[in-house]
Every structure is written in C-alpha cells, then in structure tokens.
PDB file of N, CA and C in Angstrom:
ATOM      1  N   UNK A   1     -35.278 -55.485 -40.134  1.00  0.00           N
ATOM      2  CA  UNK A   1     -35.812 -55.469 -41.469  1.00  0.00           C
ATOM      3  C   UNK A   1     -36.953 -54.466 -41.504  1.00  0.00           C
ATOM      4  N   UNK A   2     -36.881 -53.536 -42.406  1.00  0.00           N
ATOM      5  CA  UNK A   2     -37.944 -52.552 -42.618  1.00  0.00           C
ATOM      6  C   UNK A   2     -38.441 -52.733 -44.041  1.00  0.00           C
ATOM      7  N   UNK A   3     -39.767 -52.809 -44.214  1.00  0.00           N
ATOM      8  CA  UNK A   3     -40.302 -53.059 -45.553  1.00  0.00           C
ATOM      9  C   UNK A   3     -41.591 -52.279 -45.793  1.00  0.00           C
ATOM     10  N   UNK A   4     -41.873 -52.075 -47.042  1.00  0.00           N
ATOM     11  CA  UNK A   4     -43.073 -51.414 -47.511  1.00  0.00           C
ATOM     12  C   UNK A   4     -44.277 -52.345 -47.343  1.00  0.00           C
ATOM     13  N   UNK A   5     -45.477 -51.789 -47.407  1.00  0.00           N
ATOM     14  CA  UNK A   5     -46.707 -52.560 -47.231  1.00  0.00           C
ATOM     15  C   UNK A   5     -46.857 -53.693 -48.238  1.00  0.00           C
ATOM     16  N   UNK A   6     -46.246 -53.580 -49.390  1.00  0.00           N
ATOM     17  CA  UNK A   6     -46.339 -54.618 -50.403  1.00  0.00           C
ATOM     18  C   UNK A   6     -45.744 -55.949 -49.964  1.00  0.00           C
ATOM     19  N   UNK A   7     -44.925 -55.920 -48.913  1.00  0.00           N
ATOM     20  CA  UNK A   7     -44.284 -57.138 -48.416  1.00  0.00           C
ATOM     21  C   UNK A   7     -45.010 -57.758 -47.229  1.00  0.00           C
ATOM     22  N   UNK A   8     -46.142 -57.170 -46.839  1.00  0.00           N
ATOM     23  CA  UNK A   8     -46.869 -57.707 -45.693  1.00  0.00           C
ATOM     24  C   UNK A   8     -47.608 -58.982 -46.081  1.00  0.00           C
ATOM     25  N   UNK A   9     -47.177 -60.092 -45.505  1.00  0.00           N
ATOM     26  CA  UNK A   9     -47.865 -61.372 -45.689  1.00  0.00           C
ATOM     27  C   UNK A   9     -47.445 -62.281 -44.546  1.00  0.00           C
ATOM     28  N   UNK A  10     -48.289 -63.218 -44.221  1.00  0.00           N
ATOM     29  CA  UNK A  10     -47.965 -64.163 -43.149  1.00  0.00           C
ATOM     30  C   UNK A  10     -46.710 -64.951 -43.506  1.00  0.00           C
ATOM     31  N   UNK A  11     -46.531 -65.241 -44.785  1.00  0.00           N
ATOM     32  CA  UNK A  11     -45.342 -65.976 -45.218  1.00  0.00           C
ATOM     33  C   UNK A  11     -44.071 -65.198 -44.901  1.00  0.00           C
ATOM     34  N   UNK A  12     -44.088 -63.902 -45.196  1.00  0.00           N
ATOM     35  CA  UNK A  12     -42.905 -63.091 -44.935  1.00  0.00           C
ATOM     36  C   UNK A  12     -42.647 -62.938 -43.439  1.00  0.00           C
ATOM     37  N   UNK A  13     -43.716 -62.741 -42.660  1.00  0.00           N
ATOM     38  CA  UNK A  13     -43.542 -62.633 -41.210  1.00  0.00           C
ATOM     39  C   UNK A  13     -42.926 -63.913 -40.633  1.00  0.00           C
ATOM     40  N   UNK A  14     -43.446 -65.060 -41.044  1.00  0.00           N
ATOM     41  CA  UNK A  14     -42.930 -66.335 -40.529  1.00  0.00           C
ATOM     42  C   UNK A  14     -41.492 -66.596 -40.987  1.00  0.00           C
ATOM     43  N   UNK A  15     -41.178 -66.261 -42.219  1.00  0.00           N
ATOM     44  CA  UNK A  15     -39.817 -66.440 -42.724  1.00  0.00           C
ATOM     45  C   UNK A  15     -38.828 -65.641 -41.888  1.00  0.00           C
ATOM     46  N   UNK A  16     -39.163 -64.382 -41.646  1.00  0.00           N
ATOM     47  CA  UNK A  16     -38.269 -63.530 -40.864  1.00  0.00           C
ATOM     48  C   UNK A  16     -38.147 -64.033 -39.425  1.00  0.00           C
ATOM     49  N   UNK A  17     -39.247 -64.478 -38.844  1.00  0.00           N
ATOM     50  CA  UNK A  17     -39.212 -65.010 -37.479  1.00  0.00           C
ATOM     51  C   UNK A  17     -38.334 -66.258 -37.408  1.00  0.00           C
ATOM     52  N   UNK A  18     -38.477 -67.155 -38.376  1.00  0.00           N
ATOM     53  CA  UNK A  18     -37.679 -68.383 -38.404  1.00  0.00           C
ATOM     54  C   UNK A  18     -36.188 -68.102 -38.545  1.00  0.00           C
ATOM     55  N   UNK A  19     -35.855 -66.968 -39.152  1.00  0.00           N
ATOM     56  CA  UNK A  19     -34.458 -66.611 -39.353  1.00  0.00           C
ATOM     57  C   UNK A  19     -33.958 -65.580 -38.330  1.00  0.00           C
ATOM     58  N   UNK A  20     -34.727 -65.407 -37.254  1.00  0.00           N
ATOM     59  CA  UNK A  20     -34.301 -64.540 -36.158  1.00  0.00           C
ATOM     60  C   UNK A  20     -34.215 -63.067 -36.502  1.00  0.00           C
ATOM     61  N   UNK A  21     -35.023 -62.618 -37.446  1.00  0.00           N
ATOM     62  CA  UNK A  21     -35.001 -61.223 -37.878  1.00  0.00           C
ATOM     63  C   UNK A  21     -36.177 -60.451 -37.268  1.00  0.00           C
ATOM     64  N   UNK A  22     -35.887 -59.297 -36.712  1.00  0.00           N
ATOM     65  CA  UNK A  22     -36.951 -58.397 -36.283  1.00  0.00           C
ATOM     66  C   UNK A  22     -37.447 -57.671 -37.529  1.00  0.00           C
ATOM     67  N   UNK A  23     -38.736 -57.409 -37.593  1.00  0.00           N
ATOM     68  CA  UNK A  23     -39.235 -56.739 -38.789  1.00  0.00           C
ATOM     69  C   UNK A  23     -40.234 -55.652 -38.434  1.00  0.00           C
ATOM     70  N   UNK A  24     -40.260 -54.663 -39.296  1.00  0.00           N
ATOM     71  CA  UNK A  24     -41.204 -53.562 -39.208  1.00  0.00           C
ATOM     72  C   UNK A  24     -41.774 -53.397 -40.612  1.00  0.00           C
ATOM     73  N   UNK A  25     -42.970 -53.945 -40.823  1.00  0.00           N
ATOM     74  CA  UNK A  25     -43.611 -53.884 -42.133  1.00  0.00           C
ATOM     75  C   UNK A  25     -44.895 -53.081 -41.997  1.00  0.00           C
ATOM     76  N   UNK A  26     -45.014 -52.056 -42.806  1.00  0.00           N
ATOM     77  CA  UNK A  26     -46.199 -51.204 -42.768  1.00  0.00           C
ATOM     78  C   UNK A  26     -47.420 -52.032 -43.174  1.00  0.00           C
ATOM     79  N   UNK A  27     -48.478 -52.036 -42.366  1.00  0.00           N
ATOM     80  CA  UNK A  27     -49.688 -52.785 -42.727  1.00  0.00           C
ATOM     81  C   UNK A  27     -50.316 -52.247 -44.019  1.00  0.00           C
ATOM     82  N   UNK A  28     -50.905 -53.132 -44.805  1.00  0.00           N
ATOM     83  CA  UNK A  28     -51.484 -52.725 -46.087  1.00  0.00           C
ATOM     84  C   UNK A  28     -52.625 -51.730 -45.923  1.00  0.00           C
ATOM     85  N   UNK A  29     -53.325 -51.773 -44.804  1.00  0.00           N
ATOM     86  CA  UNK A  29     -54.460 -50.858 -44.602  1.00  0.00           C
ATOM     87  C   UNK A  29     -54.092 -49.672 -43.709  1.00  0.00           C
ATOM     88  N   UNK A  30     -52.815 -49.383 -43.559  1.00  0.00           N
ATOM     89  CA  UNK A  30     -52.365 -48.349 -42.627  1.00  0.00           C
ATOM     90  C   UNK A  30     -52.987 -46.979 -42.911  1.00  0.00           C
ATOM     91  N   UNK A  31     -52.913 -46.527 -44.146  1.00  0.00           N
ATOM     92  CA  UNK A  31     -53.436 -45.197 -44.479  1.00  0.00           C
ATOM     93  C   UNK A  31     -54.945 -45.133 -44.273  1.00  0.00           C
ATOM     94  N   UNK A  32     -55.651 -46.169 -44.696  1.00  0.00           N
ATOM     95  CA  UNK A  32     -57.108 -46.202 -44.553  1.00  0.00           C
ATOM     96  C   UNK A  32     -57.512 -46.248 -43.081  1.00  0.00           C
ATOM     97  N   UNK A  33     -56.752 -46.995 -42.264  1.00  0.00           N
ATOM     98  CA  UNK A  33     -57.118 -47.149 -40.851  1.00  0.00           C
ATOM     99  C   UNK A  33     -56.946 -45.862 -40.055  1.00  0.00           C
ATOM    100  N   UNK A  34     -56.223 -44.893 -40.586  1.00  0.00           N
ATOM    101  CA  UNK A  34     -56.040 -43.617 -39.886  1.00  0.00           C
ATOM    102  C   UNK A  34     -57.194 -42.653 -40.126  1.00  0.00           C
ATOM    103  N   UNK A  35     -58.068 -42.954 -41.086  1.00  0.00           N
ATOM    104  CA  UNK A  35     -59.144 -42.025 -41.414  1.00  0.00           C
ATOM    105  C   UNK A  35     -60.245 -42.055 -40.351  1.00  0.00           C
ATOM    106  N   UNK A  36     -60.912 -40.953 -40.203  1.00  0.00           N
ATOM    107  CA  UNK A  36     -62.009 -40.841 -39.239  1.00  0.00           C
ATOM    108  C   UNK A  36     -63.142 -41.817 -39.574  1.00  0.00           C
ATOM    109  N   UNK A  37     -63.429 -41.945 -40.870  1.00  0.00           N
ATOM    110  CA  UNK A  37     -64.499 -42.834 -41.315  1.00  0.00           C
ATOM    111  C   UNK A  37     -64.224 -44.273 -40.876  1.00  0.00           C
ATOM    112  N   UNK A  38     -62.989 -44.718 -40.990  1.00  0.00           N
ATOM    113  CA  UNK A  38     -62.616 -46.081 -40.601  1.00  0.00           C
ATOM    114  C   UNK A  38     -62.690 -46.253 -39.080  1.00  0.00           C
ATOM    115  N   UNK A  39     -62.151 -45.284 -38.366  1.00  0.00           N
ATOM    116  CA  UNK A  39     -62.104 -45.372 -36.897  1.00  0.00           C
ATOM    117  C   UNK A  39     -63.486 -45.372 -36.258  1.00  0.00           C
ATOM    118  N   UNK A  40     -64.447 -44.718 -36.894  1.00  0.00           N
ATOM    119  CA  UNK A  40     -65.783 -44.606 -36.290  1.00  0.00           C
ATOM    120  C   UNK A  40     -66.780 -45.638 -36.803  1.00  0.00           C
ATOM    121  N   UNK A  41     -66.387 -46.461 -37.791  1.00  0.00           N
ATOM    122  CA  UNK A  41     -67.284 -47.491 -38.321  1.00  0.00           C
ATOM    123  C   UNK A  41     -67.296 -48.678 -37.356  1.00  0.00           C
ATOM    124  N   UNK A  42     -68.403 -48.859 -36.661  1.00  0.00           N
ATOM    125  CA  UNK A  42     -68.514 -49.900 -35.631  1.00  0.00           C
ATOM    126  C   UNK A  42     -68.598 -51.312 -36.199  1.00  0.00           C
ATOM    127  N   UNK A  43     -68.747 -51.436 -37.513  1.00  0.00           N
ATOM    128  CA  UNK A  43     -68.936 -52.756 -38.114  1.00  0.00           C
ATOM    129  C   UNK A  43     -67.684 -53.303 -38.797  1.00  0.00           C
ATOM    130  N   UNK A  44     -66.577 -52.577 -38.726  1.00  0.00           N
ATOM    131  CA  UNK A  44     -65.309 -53.063 -39.266  1.00  0.00           C
ATOM    132  C   UNK A  44     -64.692 -54.003 -38.229  1.00  0.00           C
ATOM    133  N   UNK A  45     -64.170 -55.126 -38.679  1.00  0.00           N
ATOM    134  CA  UNK A  45     -63.625 -56.147 -37.778  1.00  0.00           C
ATOM    135  C   UNK A  45     -62.630 -55.554 -36.784  1.00  0.00           C
ATOM    136  N   UNK A  46     -61.787 -54.639 -37.230  1.00  0.00           N
ATOM    137  CA  UNK A  46     -60.792 -54.029 -36.346  1.00  0.00           C
ATOM    138  C   UNK A  46     -61.428 -53.283 -35.170  1.00  0.00           C
ATOM    139  N   UNK A  47     -62.671 -52.840 -35.338  1.00  0.00           N
ATOM    140  CA  UNK A  47     -63.329 -52.039 -34.311  1.00  0.00           C
ATOM    141  C   UNK A  47     -64.283 -52.826 -33.411  1.00  0.00           C
ATOM    142  N   UNK A  48     -64.421 -54.133 -33.640  1.00  0.00           N
ATOM    143  CA  UNK A  48     -65.277 -54.942 -32.778  1.00  0.00           C
ATOM    144  C   UNK A  48     -64.582 -55.189 -31.442  1.00  0.00           C
ATOM    145  N   UNK A  49     -65.354 -55.337 -30.395  1.00  0.00           N
ATOM    146  CA  UNK A  49     -64.794 -55.666 -29.083  1.00  0.00           C
ATOM    147  C   UNK A  49     -64.505 -57.161 -29.048  1.00  0.00           C
ATOM    148  N   UNK A  50     -63.256 -57.537 -28.760  1.00  0.00           N
ATOM    149  CA  UNK A  50     -62.872 -58.946 -28.753  1.00  0.00           C
ATOM    150  C   UNK A  50     -62.590 -59.410 -27.338  1.00  0.00           C
ATOM    151  N   UNK A  51     -63.185 -60.532 -26.956  1.00  0.00           N
ATOM    152  CA  UNK A  51     -62.973 -61.158 -25.653  1.00  0.00           C
ATOM    153  C   UNK A  51     -62.106 -62.392 -25.887  1.00  0.00           C
ATOM    154  N   UNK A  52     -60.818 -62.261 -25.586  1.00  0.00           N
ATOM    155  CA  UNK A  52     -59.868 -63.340 -25.842  1.00  0.00           C
ATOM    156  C   UNK A  52     -60.181 -64.587 -25.006  1.00  0.00           C
ATOM    157  N   UNK A  53     -60.583 -64.386 -23.771  1.00  0.00           N
ATOM    158  CA  UNK A  53     -60.862 -65.512 -22.874  1.00  0.00           C
ATOM    159  C   UNK A  53     -61.949 -66.425 -23.438  1.00  0.00           C
ATOM    160  N   UNK A  54     -63.020 -65.831 -23.997  1.00  0.00           N
ATOM    161  CA  UNK A  54     -64.134 -66.607 -24.553  1.00  0.00           C
ATOM    162  C   UNK A  54     -64.044 -66.774 -26.068  1.00  0.00           C
ATOM    163  N   UNK A  55     -63.013 -66.206 -26.686  1.00  0.00           N
ATOM    164  CA  UNK A  55     -62.805 -66.253 -28.129  1.00  0.00           C
ATOM    165  C   UNK A  55     -64.073 -65.835 -28.872  1.00  0.00           C
ATOM    166  N   UNK A  56     -64.532 -64.608 -28.555  1.00  0.00           N
ATOM    167  CA  UNK A  56     -65.720 -64.084 -29.227  1.00  0.00           C
ATOM    168  C   UNK A  56     -65.616 -62.569 -29.351  1.00  0.00           C
ATOM    169  N   UNK A  57     -66.288 -62.053 -30.355  1.00  0.00           N
ATOM    170  CA  UNK A  57     -66.353 -60.610 -30.565  1.00  0.00           C
ATOM    171  C   UNK A  57     -67.784 -60.163 -30.353  1.00  0.00           C
ATOM    172  N   UNK A  58     -67.946 -58.874 -30.045  1.00  0.00           N
ATOM    173  CA  UNK A  58     -69.272 -58.303 -29.873  1.00  0.00           C
ATOM    174  C   UNK A  58     -69.447 -57.201 -30.907  1.00  0.00           C
ATOM    175  N   UNK A  59     -70.513 -57.282 -31.695  1.00  0.00           N
ATOM    176  CA  UNK A  59     -70.760 -56.267 -32.715  1.00  0.00           C
ATOM    177  C   UNK A  59     -71.458 -55.059 -32.087  1.00  0.00           C
ATOM    178  N   UNK A  60     -71.632 -54.023 -32.890  1.00  0.00           N
ATOM    179  CA  UNK A  60     -72.225 -52.769 -32.406  1.00  0.00           C
ATOM    180  C   UNK A  60     -73.639 -52.951 -31.878  1.00  0.00           C
ATOM    181  N   UNK A  61     -74.374 -53.959 -32.360  1.00  0.00           N
ATOM    182  CA  UNK A  61     -75.733 -54.212 -31.880  1.00  0.00           C
ATOM    183  C   UNK A  61     -75.747 -55.003 -30.585  1.00  0.00           C
ATOM    184  N   UNK A  62     -74.570 -55.472 -30.149  1.00  0.00           N
ATOM    185  CA  UNK A  62     -74.488 -56.258 -28.927  1.00  0.00           C
ATOM    186  C   UNK A  62     -74.519 -57.753 -29.159  1.00  0.00           C
ATOM    187  N   UNK A  63     -74.610 -58.176 -30.415  1.00  0.00           N
ATOM    188  CA  UNK A  63     -74.621 -59.604 -30.737  1.00  0.00           C
ATOM    189  C   UNK A  63     -73.232 -60.197 -30.558  1.00  0.00           C
ATOM    190  N   UNK A  64     -73.165 -61.416 -30.058  1.00  0.00           N
ATOM    191  CA  UNK A  64     -71.903 -62.128 -29.868  1.00  0.00           C
ATOM    192  C   UNK A  64     -71.560 -62.902 -31.136  1.00  0.00           C
ATOM    193  N   UNK A  65     -70.329 -62.789 -31.582  1.00  0.00           N
ATOM    194  CA  UNK A  65     -69.846 -63.529 -32.737  1.00  0.00           C
ATOM    195  C   UNK A  65     -68.891 -64.596 -32.219  1.00  0.00           C
ATOM    196  N   UNK A  66     -69.332 -65.847 -32.266  1.00  0.00           N
ATOM    197  CA  UNK A  66     -68.510 -66.942 -31.756  1.00  0.00           C
ATOM    198  C   UNK A  66     -68.010 -67.798 -32.914  1.00  0.00           C
ATOM    199  N   UNK A  67     -66.975 -68.535 -32.662  1.00  0.00           N
ATOM    200  CA  UNK A  67     -66.372 -69.374 -33.686  1.00  0.00           C
ATOM    201  C   UNK A  67     -67.361 -70.433 -34.166  1.00  0.00           C
ATOM    202  N   UNK A  68     -67.461 -70.588 -35.482  1.00  0.00           N
ATOM    203  CA  UNK A  68     -68.375 -71.591 -36.031  1.00  0.00           C
ATOM    204  C   UNK A  68     -67.628 -72.591 -36.918  1.00  0.00           C
ATOM    205  N   UNK A  69     -66.313 -72.578 -36.842  1.00  0.00           N
ATOM    206  CA  UNK A  69     -65.548 -73.550 -37.607  1.00  0.00           C
ATOM    207  C   UNK A  69     -64.235 -72.995 -38.107  1.00  0.00           C
ATOM    208  N   UNK A  70     -63.471 -73.872 -38.731  1.00  0.00           N
ATOM    209  CA  UNK A  70     -62.179 -73.479 -39.284  1.00  0.00           C
ATOM    210  C   UNK A  70     -62.093 -73.938 -40.734  1.00  0.00           C
ATOM    211  N   UNK A  71     -61.152 -73.355 -41.430  1.00  0.00           N
ATOM    212  CA  UNK A  71     -60.913 -73.718 -42.815  1.00  0.00           C
ATOM    213  C   UNK A  71     -59.455 -73.498 -43.149  1.00  0.00           C
ATOM    214  N   UNK A  72     -59.087 -73.818 -44.353  1.00  0.00           N
ATOM    215  CA  UNK A  72     -57.702 -73.639 -44.789  1.00  0.00           C
ATOM    216  C   UNK A  72     -57.673 -72.816 -46.063  1.00  0.00           C
ATOM    217  N   UNK A  73     -56.617 -72.018 -46.185  1.00  0.00           N
ATOM    218  CA  UNK A  73     -56.403 -71.208 -47.368  1.00  0.00           C
ATOM    219  C   UNK A  73     -54.999 -71.500 -47.862  1.00  0.00           C
ATOM    220  N   UNK A  74     -54.861 -71.710 -49.156  1.00  0.00           N
ATOM    221  CA  UNK A  74     -53.555 -71.971 -49.748  1.00  0.00           C
ATOM    222  C   UNK A  74     -53.215 -70.807 -50.673  1.00  0.00           C
ATOM    223  N   UNK A  75     -52.042 -70.201 -50.461  1.00  0.00           N
ATOM    224  CA  UNK A  75     -51.626 -69.075 -51.290  1.00  0.00           C
ATOM    225  C   UNK A  75     -51.088 -69.573 -52.627  1.00  0.00           C
ATOM    226  N   UNK A  76     -50.817 -68.645 -53.526  1.00  0.00           N
ATOM    227  CA  UNK A  76     -50.269 -68.988 -54.835  1.00  0.00           C
ATOM    228  C   UNK A  76     -48.915 -69.686 -54.707  1.00  0.00           C
ATOM    229  N   UNK A  77     -48.194 -69.403 -53.617  1.00  0.00           N
ATOM    230  CA  UNK A  77     -46.883 -70.034 -53.385  1.00  0.00           C
ATOM    231  C   UNK A  77     -47.012 -71.395 -52.722  1.00  0.00           C
ATOM    232  N   UNK A  78     -48.236 -71.802 -52.411  1.00  0.00           N
ATOM    233  CA  UNK A  78     -48.449 -73.100 -51.781  1.00  0.00           C
ATOM    234  C   UNK A  78     -48.425 -73.059 -50.266  1.00  0.00           C
ATOM    235  N   UNK A  79     -48.337 -71.855 -49.680  1.00  0.00           N
ATOM    236  CA  UNK A  79     -48.329 -71.738 -48.221  1.00  0.00           C
ATOM    237  C   UNK A  79     -49.755 -71.897 -47.706  1.00  0.00           C
ATOM    238  N   UNK A  80     -49.933 -72.749 -46.702  1.00  0.00           N
ATOM    239  CA  UNK A  80     -51.252 -73.056 -46.163  1.00  0.00           C
ATOM    240  C   UNK A  80     -51.444 -72.376 -44.809  1.00  0.00           C
ATOM    241  N   UNK A  81     -52.561 -71.662 -44.655  1.00  0.00           N
ATOM    242  CA  UNK A  81     -52.889 -71.039 -43.377  1.00  0.00           C
ATOM    243  C   UNK A  81     -54.239 -71.553 -42.909  1.00  0.00           C
ATOM    244  N   UNK A  82     -54.430 -71.565 -41.600  1.00  0.00           N
ATOM    245  CA  UNK A  82     -55.708 -71.991 -41.038  1.00  0.00           C
ATOM    246  C   UNK A  82     -56.510 -70.749 -40.684  1.00  0.00           C
ATOM    247  N   UNK A  83     -57.775 -70.752 -41.070  1.00  0.00           N
ATOM    248  CA  UNK A  83     -58.678 -69.638 -40.800  1.00  0.00           C
ATOM    249  C   UNK A  83     -59.723 -70.054 -39.788  1.00  0.00           C
ATOM    250  N   UNK A  84     -60.195 -69.100 -39.005  1.00  0.00           N
ATOM    251  CA  UNK A  84     -61.268 -69.347 -38.054  1.00  0.00           C
ATOM    252  C   UNK A  84     -62.456 -68.490 -38.473  1.00  0.00           C
ATOM    253  N   UNK A  85     -63.604 -69.102 -38.637  1.00  0.00           N
ATOM    254  CA  UNK A  85     -64.799 -68.391 -39.071  1.00  0.00           C
ATOM    255  C   UNK A  85     -65.690 -68.067 -37.876  1.00  0.00           C
ATOM    256  N   UNK A  86     -66.286 -66.875 -37.912  1.00  0.00           N
ATOM    257  CA  UNK A  86     -67.179 -66.422 -36.856  1.00  0.00           C
ATOM    258  C   UNK A  86     -68.518 -66.069 -37.442  1.00  0.00           C
TER     259      UNK A  86
END
C-alpha cells in the first residue's frame, strides 16, 4: 500500500497492520523535515537525543526530559490513543 501524506494516521497504520498489509505512507512533515532550518533546530522533538533504556530525552541545554505521566486522546472517529508526557 502506497499513500499520500493525507492518509498518515495511527488508525490507518494499525488497520493496515491488522490486515497484513505493508504500507509506505509519506509522513506529513516530510518536506519540512528536509529543510536545513528543521535539521539544525536543536529544540525540535525529532532532534532531541533519546535514551530508550532510560526512556528519557536530552535537550540542547543538557536537561533530561523524563516521563511525567500519561493521558488519552480520542480522535473524531472515536479511536483512542495513549500519550506519554515529558
């Protein structure tokens, strides 16, 4: 399955996975993420250093961002996702 960025959502990814479909969906921020300004901004979440073992990120100032709780988000279609706050 190949799709445009407009189809990128956790619901679509899970649906395709449940139905045994491989998918290639262009990320919604693909064009922006290729820019020099985006790549060099140390404060964008994508550019933080993430330590999977300790489940924490390190910001450009060296501060550790650790999990401070979870929450839930419900989409317009009623799909519920769990979020982790740092």
